[in-house]
């Protein structure tokens, strides 16, 4: 078992921020029994990017050693809304939307996680919270003090700003922590913003006589803009649902300064090979970035696809030629550019598309589109380029 344990620890080291605590984790791995790995999501919006996938790949490593990922759908807690990182109260989501989002989450995580029932199980926290008597819930609350909950940094920020904190939001860490007790989880891998909630899980497990779960927090890297963390609203993300071509193109757009951290966090390239990047001794940044894009695409779609996308990028972008295999899209009479773009690029927000037009990143036969509200009209080849790597040909 020691070899398997060391393999997991070595693989985790490159993406781990902190472990609570490492000795406990090593001891759990050495027991030889399948560990329960908690992966909880509030199904507010079915959107996952490669930043989220850092945790998923670590969970995948556990699965490959026979451990079980418990995919916990927070269908009950989604109705409350996790206040983490929120300055305002989150709107309530109807049950049918929660179920739709849950299924979409499962579809997206399957790009990384194994979904074999032997190492993957789906749980829902409505199974216990939806049936919990008021007396039992009040007993649960009696274990936690107000001062413990109000110490959360996001609550302190709201207090400083004079904003309200609603009671149901304060209870959220209690509910998420109790999930760990119900799952009897051994391990959870989360971003640093979820640390408070998952340490609450350790608290409840100990109060109920269970061994406390190990909590691993992971590294967070900036999005493709090199500034903020990946966000759909900012358009600086690489989504799991992106096509291989879009993934490759987005990676090629990152600042050179991000390459080292992206290699470390998003690929399995031997760290020793990255020494030239670490020492800032590289003569050809473009070749390094192409390899980075190829490695990331290959991780999700296979080495052959990664190589094909690198070849496509080189012939299309580097040689500045329009692709011969650009797909054809039909334009209906009176259609505006924003209508066309939203139809053909549904993964991008309307604000992001408007911003691309305003920045001159949408071109028709080489000419910038003047306004997203103008009708789609053309007299030439009808070749549209969006950003650096998205092409399609207009047909009537």
Protein backbone atom coordinates (compact mmCIF):
# COMPACT_ATOMS: atom_id res chain seq x y z
CA UNK A 1 0.00 0.00 0.00
CA UNK A 2 2.87 2.39 0.66
CA UNK A 3 3.67 2.67 -3.05
CA UNK A 4 0.06 3.50 -3.93
CA UNK A 5 -0.11 6.01 -1.08
CA UNK A 6 3.05 7.74 -2.22
CA UNK A 7 1.81 7.86 -5.80
CA UNK A 8 -1.36 9.67 -4.70
CA UNK A 9 0.56 12.06 -2.46
CA UNK A 10 3.04 12.87 -5.24
CA UNK A 11 0.28 13.49 -7.77
CA UNK A 12 -1.65 15.68 -5.33
CA UNK A 13 1.38 17.77 -4.34
CA UNK A 14 1.41 19.88 -7.52
CA UNK A 15 -2.19 21.09 -7.13
CA UNK A 16 -2.62 21.17 -3.34
CA UNK A 17 -2.70 24.36 -1.26
CA UNK A 18 -3.26 22.91 2.24
CA UNK A 19 -4.22 19.59 3.87
CA UNK A 20 -6.19 19.22 7.11
CA UNK A 21 -4.32 17.11 7.91
CA UNK A 22 -1.64 15.21 6.04
CA UNK A 23 -0.96 12.54 8.68
CA UNK A 24 -4.64 11.64 8.82
CA UNK A 25 -4.76 11.39 5.04
CA UNK A 26 -1.73 9.12 4.90
CA UNK A 27 -3.19 6.92 7.66
CA UNK A 28 -6.54 6.61 5.84
CA UNK A 29 -4.81 5.60 2.62
CA UNK A 30 -2.76 2.99 4.46
CA UNK A 31 -5.86 1.22 5.82
CA UNK A 32 -6.34 -0.41 2.42
CA UNK A 33 -10.10 0.09 2.45
CA UNK A 34 -11.93 2.12 -0.23
CA UNK A 35 -12.25 5.69 1.02
CA UNK A 36 -15.35 7.83 0.56
CA UNK A 37 -14.51 11.04 -1.29
CA UNK A 38 -17.17 13.73 -0.89
CA UNK A 39 -17.84 15.93 -3.89
CA UNK A 40 -20.73 18.26 -3.14
CA UNK A 41 -22.28 20.78 -5.51
CA UNK A 42 -25.11 23.24 -5.24
CA UNK A 43 -26.75 22.94 -8.62
CA UNK A 44 -27.32 26.64 -9.21
CA UNK A 45 -25.78 26.79 -12.69
CA UNK A 46 -24.43 23.81 -14.66
CA UNK A 47 -21.12 25.36 -15.59
CA UNK A 48 -17.72 23.79 -14.94
CA UNK A 49 -14.34 24.97 -16.19
CA UNK A 50 -10.83 23.57 -15.98
CA UNK A 51 -10.32 25.37 -12.68
CA UNK A 52 -13.09 23.21 -11.19
CA UNK A 53 -11.52 20.21 -12.89
CA UNK A 54 -8.37 20.48 -10.76
CA UNK A 55 -10.42 18.94 -7.95
CA UNK A 56 -12.05 16.47 -10.33
CA UNK A 57 -8.71 15.13 -11.57
CA UNK A 58 -7.59 14.58 -7.98
CA UNK A 59 -10.82 12.70 -7.35
CA UNK A 60 -10.20 10.72 -10.54
CA UNK A 61 -6.80 9.72 -9.14
CA UNK A 62 -8.55 8.39 -6.05
CA UNK A 63 -11.03 6.46 -8.20
CA UNK A 64 -8.22 4.82 -10.14
CA UNK A 65 -6.95 3.46 -6.83
CA UNK A 66 -10.37 2.00 -6.00
CA UNK A 67 -11.78 4.82 -3.86
CA UNK A 68 -15.39 6.01 -4.25
CA UNK A 69 -16.46 9.51 -5.21
CA UNK A 70 -19.76 10.43 -3.55
CA UNK A 71 -21.29 12.98 -5.90
CA UNK A 72 -23.57 14.88 -3.55
CA UNK A 73 -26.28 16.90 -5.27
CA UNK A 74 -27.23 19.66 -2.88
CA UNK A 75 -30.82 19.79 -4.05
CA UNK A 76 -31.99 20.84 -0.58
CA UNK A 77 -29.22 23.36 0.13
CA UNK A 78 -29.54 24.82 -3.38
CA UNK A 79 -32.92 26.14 -2.28
CA UNK A 80 -31.08 28.10 0.42
CA UNK A 81 -28.05 29.30 -1.49
CA UNK A 82 -24.42 29.17 -0.36
CA UNK A 83 -23.42 32.72 0.70
CA UNK A 84 -19.75 32.02 -0.07
CA UNK A 85 -18.35 34.92 -2.06
CA UNK A 86 -21.77 36.56 -2.34
CA UNK A 87 -22.46 40.11 -1.23
CA UNK A 88 -26.19 39.78 -1.92
CA UNK A 89 -28.86 37.18 -1.21
CA UNK A 90 -29.08 34.59 -3.97
CA UNK A 91 -32.46 34.04 -5.68
CA UNK A 92 -34.39 30.81 -5.06
CA UNK A 93 -34.23 28.21 -7.86
CA UNK A 94 -37.37 26.17 -8.67
CA UNK A 95 -37.18 22.35 -8.19
CA UNK A 96 -37.47 21.53 -11.90
CA UNK A 97 -34.49 23.77 -12.68
CA UNK A 98 -32.50 22.14 -9.87
CA UNK A 99 -33.13 18.70 -11.39
CA UNK A 100 -32.15 19.88 -14.88
CA UNK A 101 -28.95 21.42 -13.53
CA UNK A 102 -28.13 18.26 -11.58
CA UNK A 103 -28.27 16.11 -14.70
CA UNK A 104 -26.13 18.60 -16.61
CA UNK A 105 -23.53 18.58 -13.80
CA UNK A 106 -23.33 14.79 -14.01
CA UNK A 107 -22.86 15.01 -17.79
CA UNK A 108 -20.04 17.53 -17.43
CA UNK A 109 -18.15 15.78 -14.61
CA UNK A 110 -18.16 12.59 -16.67
CA UNK A 111 -15.55 14.30 -18.88
CA UNK A 112 -13.14 13.62 -15.99
CA UNK A 113 -14.64 11.31 -13.40
CA UNK A 114 -15.27 7.61 -13.85
CA UNK A 115 -19.01 6.94 -13.56
CA UNK A 116 -18.72 3.21 -12.93
CA UNK A 117 -21.02 2.49 -9.92
CA UNK A 118 -18.11 0.73 -8.24
CA UNK A 119 -16.31 4.09 -7.80
CA UNK A 120 -19.08 6.67 -8.30
CA UNK A 121 -22.34 7.12 -6.47
CA UNK A 122 -24.91 9.91 -6.62
CA UNK A 123 -26.46 11.16 -3.38
CA UNK A 124 -28.92 13.98 -2.63
CA UNK A 125 -29.05 15.87 0.64
CA UNK A 126 -32.83 16.20 0.41
CA UNK A 127 -32.83 12.51 1.41
CA UNK A 128 -32.02 13.53 4.98
CA UNK A 129 -32.84 17.21 5.29
CA UNK A 130 -36.20 16.80 3.58
CA UNK A 131 -37.24 14.28 6.25
CA UNK A 132 -35.52 15.77 9.33
CA UNK A 133 -37.94 16.54 12.20
CA UNK A 134 -37.78 20.06 13.64
CA UNK A 135 -36.68 18.66 17.01
CA UNK A 136 -33.66 16.95 15.43
CA UNK A 137 -32.75 20.06 13.45
CA UNK A 138 -32.87 22.25 16.56
CA UNK A 139 -30.63 19.76 18.35
CA UNK A 140 -28.17 20.10 15.49
CA UNK A 141 -28.21 23.89 15.78
CA UNK A 142 -27.58 23.69 19.53
CA UNK A 143 -24.08 22.36 18.78
CA UNK A 144 -22.95 25.51 16.95
CA UNK A 145 -22.49 28.99 18.40
CA UNK A 146 -23.42 32.28 16.75
CA UNK A 147 -19.85 33.56 17.11
CA UNK A 148 -18.49 30.53 15.23
CA UNK A 149 -20.76 31.21 12.25
CA UNK A 150 -20.48 34.99 12.17
CA UNK A 151 -16.69 34.72 12.01
CA UNK A 152 -16.91 33.85 8.30
CA UNK A 153 -15.09 36.46 6.25
CA UNK A 154 -17.97 37.03 3.81
CA UNK A 155 -20.33 37.74 6.72
CA UNK A 156 -17.82 40.15 8.20
CA UNK A 157 -17.63 41.96 4.86
CA UNK A 158 -21.40 42.32 4.74
CA UNK A 159 -21.47 43.65 8.28
CA UNK A 160 -18.80 46.22 7.43
CA UNK A 161 -20.80 47.27 4.35
CA UNK A 162 -24.02 47.55 6.35
CA UNK A 163 -25.68 44.75 4.37
CA UNK A 164 -28.15 42.29 5.82
CA UNK A 165 -27.35 38.65 6.63
CA UNK A 166 -30.39 36.40 6.59
CA UNK A 167 -30.69 33.54 9.03
CA UNK A 168 -31.05 30.86 6.35
CA UNK A 169 -27.66 31.94 4.94
CA UNK A 170 -26.00 31.59 8.32
CA UNK A 171 -27.33 28.05 8.56
CA UNK A 172 -25.78 26.98 5.28
CA UNK A 173 -22.39 25.91 6.78
CA UNK A 174 -24.30 23.84 9.34
CA UNK A 175 -26.13 21.99 6.59
CA UNK A 176 -23.05 21.46 4.44
CA UNK A 177 -21.10 20.26 7.45
CA UNK A 178 -23.83 17.80 8.40
CA UNK A 179 -23.70 16.38 4.86
CA UNK A 180 -20.23 15.05 5.69
CA UNK A 181 -21.60 13.28 8.74
CA UNK A 182 -24.40 11.66 6.73
CA UNK A 183 -22.01 10.55 3.98
CA UNK A 184 -19.38 9.41 6.52
CA UNK A 185 -16.87 10.95 4.13
CA UNK A 186 -13.16 10.32 4.53
CA UNK A 187 -11.95 13.07 2.22
CA UNK A 188 -13.16 16.19 0.48
CA UNK A 189 -11.20 18.23 -2.07
CA UNK A 190 -12.34 21.85 -2.39
CA UNK A 191 -11.31 25.37 -3.27
CA UNK A 192 -10.10 27.58 -0.43
CA UNK A 193 -13.45 29.41 -0.42
CA UNK A 194 -15.16 26.23 0.85
CA UNK A 195 -12.72 25.56 3.69
CA UNK A 196 -14.96 26.98 6.44
CA UNK A 197 -17.91 24.82 5.40
CA UNK A 198 -15.86 21.63 5.15
CA UNK A 199 -14.12 22.20 8.48
CA UNK A 200 -17.65 22.36 9.85
CA UNK A 201 -17.98 18.85 8.42
CA UNK A 202 -15.04 17.72 10.53
CA UNK A 203 -16.68 19.36 13.55
CA UNK A 204 -19.96 17.47 13.15
CA UNK A 205 -18.29 14.16 12.40
CA UNK A 206 -16.29 14.39 15.62
CA UNK A 207 -19.41 15.40 17.58
CA UNK A 208 -21.19 12.29 16.27
CA UNK A 209 -18.26 9.96 16.97
CA UNK A 210 -16.97 9.61 13.41
CA UNK A 211 -13.37 10.00 12.25
CA UNK A 212 -13.20 13.53 10.78
CA UNK A 213 -12.82 13.88 7.05
CA UNK A 214 -9.54 15.08 5.58
CA UNK A 215 -9.95 18.43 3.84
CA UNK A 216 -7.65 19.30 0.93
CA UNK A 217 -7.77 22.78 -0.57
CA UNK A 218 -6.41 23.28 -4.07
CA UNK A 219 -4.50 25.92 -5.99
CA UNK A 220 -6.51 28.56 -7.81
CA UNK A 221 -5.04 30.12 -10.94
CA UNK A 222 -6.19 33.27 -12.77
CA UNK A 223 -8.41 32.95 -15.81
CA UNK A 224 -7.25 33.51 -19.37
CA UNK A 225 -7.03 37.26 -18.77
CA UNK A 226 -4.33 36.68 -16.15
CA UNK A 227 -6.21 38.76 -13.57
CA UNK A 228 -9.43 37.34 -12.12
CA UNK A 229 -10.25 33.69 -11.43
CA UNK A 230 -12.20 31.95 -14.18
CA UNK A 231 -15.75 33.25 -14.48
CA UNK A 232 -18.48 32.89 -17.06
CA UNK A 233 -19.54 36.52 -16.65
CA UNK A 234 -15.97 37.72 -17.31
CA UNK A 235 -15.50 35.41 -20.28
CA UNK A 236 -12.02 34.42 -19.04
CA UNK A 237 -12.68 30.70 -18.67
CA UNK A 238 -11.97 27.41 -20.43
CA UNK A 239 -15.13 25.34 -20.00
CA UNK A 240 -15.20 21.56 -19.78
CA UNK A 241 -17.96 21.71 -22.39
CA UNK A 242 -15.81 23.73 -24.81
CA UNK A 243 -14.84 22.01 -28.04
CA UNK A 244 -11.20 20.92 -28.41
CA UNK A 245 -10.70 23.81 -30.83
CA UNK A 246 -12.09 26.37 -28.41
CA UNK A 247 -9.97 24.97 -25.58
CA UNK A 248 -6.84 25.17 -27.72
CA UNK A 249 -7.59 28.70 -28.87
CA UNK A 250 -8.37 30.00 -25.38
CA UNK A 251 -5.14 28.57 -24.01
CA UNK A 252 -3.18 30.22 -26.81
CA UNK A 253 -4.66 33.56 -25.72
CA UNK A 254 -3.32 33.50 -22.14
CA UNK A 255 -0.50 35.84 -21.08
CA UNK A 256 2.95 34.23 -21.20
CA UNK A 257 3.30 34.79 -17.46
CA UNK A 258 0.53 32.22 -16.82
CA UNK A 259 2.19 29.37 -18.67
CA UNK A 260 4.15 27.97 -15.72
CA UNK A 261 1.17 27.79 -13.36
CA UNK A 262 -1.05 26.36 -16.12
CA UNK A 263 1.53 23.65 -16.86
CA UNK A 264 1.77 22.81 -13.15
CA UNK A 265 -1.94 22.79 -12.40
CA UNK A 266 -3.63 21.72 -15.63
CA UNK A 267 -1.20 19.18 -17.14
CA UNK A 268 0.83 16.15 -16.09
CA UNK A 269 4.06 17.32 -17.71
CA UNK A 270 7.02 16.36 -15.51
CA UNK A 271 7.84 19.33 -13.30
CA UNK A 272 11.54 18.91 -14.05
CA UNK A 273 10.81 19.72 -17.72
CA UNK A 274 9.42 23.09 -16.66
CA UNK A 275 12.69 24.40 -15.24
CA UNK A 276 13.34 26.70 -18.26
CA UNK A 277 9.93 28.31 -17.69
CA UNK A 278 10.55 28.58 -13.97
CA UNK A 279 13.90 30.25 -14.58
CA UNK A 280 12.47 32.45 -17.37
CA UNK A 281 14.96 31.00 -19.87
CA UNK A 282 12.85 30.28 -22.93
CA UNK A 283 13.66 31.39 -26.45
CA UNK A 284 10.38 30.46 -28.14
CA UNK A 285 7.29 31.20 -25.98
CA UNK A 286 4.97 30.26 -28.86
CA UNK A 287 6.21 26.66 -28.95
CA UNK A 288 5.81 26.37 -25.17
CA UNK A 289 2.27 27.71 -25.39
CA UNK A 290 1.38 25.35 -28.24
CA UNK A 291 2.58 22.41 -26.20
CA UNK A 292 0.58 23.64 -23.21
CA UNK A 293 -2.57 23.87 -25.34
CA UNK A 294 -1.90 20.44 -26.85
CA UNK A 295 -1.36 18.84 -23.43
CA UNK A 296 -4.57 20.28 -21.98
CA UNK A 297 -6.68 19.35 -25.00
CA UNK A 298 -5.18 15.86 -25.01
CA UNK A 299 -6.03 15.37 -21.35
CA UNK A 300 -9.72 15.81 -22.09
CA UNK A 301 -10.01 14.59 -25.67
CA UNK A 302 -7.02 12.32 -26.35
CA UNK A 303 -3.55 12.80 -27.80
CA UNK A 304 -4.68 12.47 -31.40
CA UNK A 305 -7.18 15.32 -31.04
CA UNK A 306 -4.56 17.44 -29.26
CA UNK A 307 -2.14 16.96 -32.15
CA UNK A 308 -4.85 17.72 -34.72
CA UNK A 309 -5.79 20.96 -33.01
CA UNK A 310 -2.16 22.07 -32.89
CA UNK A 311 -1.86 21.38 -36.62
CA UNK A 312 -5.10 23.29 -37.30
CA UNK A 313 -3.92 26.24 -35.22
CA UNK A 314 -0.58 26.40 -37.01
CA UNK A 315 -2.10 26.28 -40.49
CA UNK A 316 -4.99 28.62 -39.71
CA UNK A 317 -3.62 31.19 -37.29
CA UNK A 318 0.12 31.19 -37.82
CA UNK A 319 -0.28 31.20 -41.63
CA UNK A 320 -3.32 33.51 -41.34
CA UNK A 321 -5.47 31.47 -43.73
CA UNK A 322 -9.20 30.84 -43.38
CA UNK A 323 -9.95 27.15 -42.74
CA UNK A 324 -11.38 25.19 -45.64
CA UNK A 325 -13.52 23.14 -43.26
CA UNK A 326 -15.39 26.10 -41.70
CA UNK A 327 -18.97 25.05 -41.01
CA UNK A 328 -21.83 26.70 -42.85
CA UNK A 329 -24.54 28.56 -40.92
CA UNK A 330 -27.85 29.69 -42.37
CA UNK A 331 -28.89 33.33 -42.00
CA UNK A 332 -32.60 34.09 -41.87
CA UNK A 333 -33.94 37.37 -43.32
CA UNK A 334 -33.64 40.31 -40.93
CA UNK A 335 -31.37 38.48 -38.49
CA UNK A 336 -29.04 40.76 -36.50
CA UNK A 337 -25.46 39.97 -35.61
CA UNK A 338 -26.18 39.50 -31.93
CA UNK A 339 -28.97 37.05 -32.79
CA UNK A 340 -26.65 35.10 -35.06
CA UNK A 341 -23.79 35.04 -32.56
CA UNK A 342 -26.01 33.96 -29.68
CA UNK A 343 -27.42 31.12 -31.80
CA UNK A 344 -24.05 29.88 -33.04
CA UNK A 345 -22.07 30.44 -29.81
CA UNK A 346 -24.57 29.48 -27.07
CA UNK A 347 -21.84 28.93 -24.47
CA UNK A 348 -20.93 32.62 -24.52
CA UNK A 349 -22.97 35.26 -22.72
CA UNK A 350 -24.66 38.11 -24.59
CA UNK A 351 -22.44 40.63 -22.80
CA UNK A 352 -19.30 38.75 -23.88
CA UNK A 353 -20.49 38.67 -27.50
CA UNK A 354 -21.31 42.38 -27.47
CA UNK A 355 -17.87 43.07 -26.06
CA UNK A 356 -16.23 41.07 -28.86
CA UNK A 357 -18.09 43.12 -31.49
CA UNK A 358 -17.18 46.39 -29.77
CA UNK A 359 -13.54 45.36 -29.63
CA UNK A 360 -13.48 44.59 -33.35
CA UNK A 361 -13.04 40.86 -32.77
CA UNK A 362 -15.94 39.88 -35.04
CA UNK A 363 -15.11 40.20 -38.74
CA UNK A 364 -16.95 39.48 -41.97
CA UNK A 365 -14.66 38.82 -44.94
CA UNK A 366 -11.90 40.58 -43.04
CA UNK A 367 -13.90 43.71 -42.12
CA UNK A 368 -14.96 44.57 -38.56
CA UNK A 369 -18.67 44.41 -37.74
CA UNK A 370 -19.88 47.91 -36.92
CA UNK A 371 -22.66 47.01 -34.48
CA UNK A 372 -24.14 43.89 -32.95
CA UNK A 373 -27.58 45.32 -33.71
CA UNK A 374 -27.00 45.70 -37.45
CA UNK A 375 -28.51 43.13 -39.86
CA UNK A 376 -26.35 40.32 -41.20
CA UNK A 377 -25.68 41.22 -44.84
CA UNK A 378 -22.80 40.33 -47.16
CA UNK A 379 -21.71 40.41 -50.79
CA UNK A 380 -18.43 38.50 -50.58
CA UNK A 381 -17.55 35.00 -49.39
CA UNK A 382 -19.51 35.33 -46.16
CA UNK A 383 -16.57 34.13 -44.02
CA UNK A 384 -17.00 35.14 -40.36
CA UNK A 385 -14.19 35.14 -37.81
CA UNK A 386 -14.95 35.52 -34.10
CA UNK A 387 -11.93 36.14 -31.92
CA UNK A 388 -8.79 34.42 -33.10
CA UNK A 389 -9.94 30.90 -33.88
CA UNK A 390 -13.69 30.64 -34.41
CA UNK A 391 -14.75 30.60 -38.06
CA UNK A 392 -17.96 29.90 -39.96
CA UNK A 393 -19.32 30.64 -43.44
CA UNK A 394 -22.66 32.37 -43.97
CA UNK A 395 -25.24 30.91 -46.36
CA UNK A 396 -28.69 32.20 -47.30
